[in-house]
Amino acid sequence: MAVTYTDVKELVPDCDVANAIVTSIITDATNFVNEVLVDCDNLSASEIDSIIKWFSAHMLVSGPCR
């Protein structure tokens, strides 16, 4: 399952940022997480998706939704 802007926006309900911005943040978070965890064999795909979702939400509230 790929993380979507809906998944992230559900974690930050008071944030009214365009879906395209959230999608861009998810792309950046996905690239970062995949690079950091490239050699990690003990996480499932759903666990990695959860990391990406929560990291994206963190990036969202650290930037556009302060």
Protein backbone atom coordinates (compact mmCIF):
# COMPACT_ATOMS: atom_id res chain seq x y z
CA MET A 1 0.00 0.00 0.00
CA ALA A 2 1.36 3.38 -0.93
CA VAL A 3 0.84 6.28 1.45
CA THR A 4 -1.63 8.87 0.13
CA TYR A 5 -2.34 12.48 1.01
CA THR A 6 -5.56 11.29 2.64
CA ASP A 7 -3.61 9.02 5.00
CA VAL A 8 -1.41 11.92 6.09
CA LYS A 9 -4.16 14.54 6.27
CA GLU A 10 -6.14 12.28 8.62
CA LEU A 11 -3.29 12.65 11.12
CA VAL A 12 -3.36 16.46 10.86
CA PRO A 13 -7.06 17.32 10.52
CA ASP A 14 -6.66 21.06 11.18
CA CYS A 15 -4.16 21.49 8.34
CA ASP A 16 -5.63 22.94 5.17
CA VAL A 17 -2.78 22.48 2.69
CA ALA A 18 -3.25 21.58 -0.96
CA ASN A 19 -3.18 17.87 -1.72
CA ALA A 20 -0.33 18.42 -4.19
CA ILE A 21 1.87 19.80 -1.40
CA VAL A 22 1.12 16.83 0.85
CA THR A 23 1.85 14.45 -2.04
CA SER A 24 5.18 16.20 -2.60
CA ILE A 25 6.04 15.80 1.09
CA ILE A 26 5.12 12.10 0.91
CA THR A 27 7.44 11.70 -2.09
CA ASP A 28 10.32 13.32 -0.20
CA ALA A 29 9.62 11.26 2.92
CA THR A 30 9.42 8.05 0.87
CA ASN A 31 12.75 8.76 -0.82
CA PHE A 32 14.40 9.52 2.52
CA VAL A 33 12.97 6.51 4.38
CA ASN A 34 13.78 4.12 1.53
CA GLU A 35 17.37 5.40 1.43
CA VAL A 36 17.85 5.13 5.19
CA LEU A 37 16.24 1.69 5.43
CA VAL A 38 17.73 0.24 2.23
CA ASP A 39 19.55 -2.50 4.12
CA CYS A 40 16.88 -3.10 6.75
CA ASP A 41 15.40 -6.55 6.29
CA ASN A 42 13.38 -6.85 9.48
CA LEU A 43 10.56 -4.40 8.66
CA SER A 44 7.46 -5.35 6.71
CA ALA A 45 6.11 -3.21 3.89
CA SER A 46 3.24 -2.05 6.12
CA GLU A 47 5.68 -1.01 8.85
CA ILE A 48 7.69 1.00 6.32
CA ASP A 49 4.47 2.62 5.07
CA SER A 50 3.64 3.58 8.67
CA ILE A 51 7.06 5.19 9.05
CA ILE A 52 6.54 7.10 5.80
CA LYS A 53 3.04 8.22 6.87
CA TRP A 54 4.13 9.48 10.28
CA PHE A 55 7.32 11.07 8.93
CA SER A 56 5.26 12.85 6.27
CA ALA A 57 2.88 14.15 8.94
CA HIS A 58 5.86 15.36 10.95
CA MET A 59 7.25 17.17 7.89
CA LEU A 60 3.82 18.69 7.24
CA VAL A 61 3.46 20.15 10.73
CA SER A 62 7.09 21.25 10.77
CA GLY A 63 6.63 23.26 7.60
CA PRO A 64 3.41 24.21 5.83
CA CYS A 65 1.12 23.60 8.82
CA ARG A 66 2.99 25.19 11.69
